[in-house]
Amino acid sequence: MTSSTLLPETGEIAAWRYAHPELFARPFAERWRSRGIALLLAAIFVFGLWWIDATPMRFWNGAGRLGFLIKLMLPPSSGGVFGTYLQALGETLAMAFFGTFLSTIVAFPLGFLGARNVVPNIFLHFGFRRVLDVLRGIDILIWALIFVSAVGMGPFAGVLAIAFSDVAFLTKIYAEAIENVDRKPIEGTQAAGANQLQAIRLAVVPQVLPVILSSALYFFESNVRAATILGIVGAGGIGLELSQQILVNNWDQALFIIIMMLVAVAIIDSISRRIRLKIIGGK
């Protein structure tokens, strides 16, 4: 159909819309339902502001206090203990690395248990997935508080918190990757006489290895930030130093620590992104 035939039809529709607007109007019930939903959402929002006591006066006072704190932060200063902060930053990076490494090592075999094409038993598969759901529902800060109480303050508690928090997420990712592998290489190795374990090693692992490595790198990036927060609750590292400087109102040193963290995270993100792109075949 050409554009010349479309134009008269468009004009005819416009004429009908002008002459009989009631035919093109939204139904009365639909209009009021949309308005009712909008009013309900607005009421919930206003109630939420009232519930958390988010008054304009609190916003105004908070903005003034924030401006005062920013003045105290400038200029940033290491306070003559740059070496201490650098060591604490190293602890944070080590915490993130070993926590990610441990969770990856544990999640890799668990991913096969969570894959339907490896464990076809529906009851075992359902129970295993529900356990993972429960573990994913526990926040990393909860794990940190648990392990700080169990093994004491320090980076070891942070490593365990990261590992326990990540293992459920990585297991789910690995299980889904294993479920989506191409069956042809598996059938080929089995036709050549390979047993199930050999087929997994020769045909499944090479297919999911890029997903495993790229996911581990991504979680390492995230865990560098998480490890900083864990230090505030007692897991050591640069987060502990930051919380101590804030408690004693050394805001210039707090800003210096924040800048160190931002630089470290930016460098790690850049390196990790390049490695992940190479692993998955990006440019």
Foldseek 3Di string as FASTA:
>chain_A
DDPVVVVVVVVVVVVCCVVCVVVVDDDPVVVVVVVVVVVVVVVVVVVVCVVVVVDPVVVVVVVVVVVVLVVLQPPADQPPVVVVQVVLLVLLLVLLLLLLVLLLVVLQVLLLQLACVNPVPPVSNVVSLVVLVVLLVDDLLNQLLVLCVVPNFESVSSSRSSNSNCNSVSSVQSNVQQNPFDCVQLVVVVVVPDDPVVSCVPGRCVSCVLVSLLVSLVSSLVSSVVSLVSVCVGHTGNVVVLNVCVVVSSNSSNVVSVVVSVVVSVVSVVVSVVVSCVSVVHD
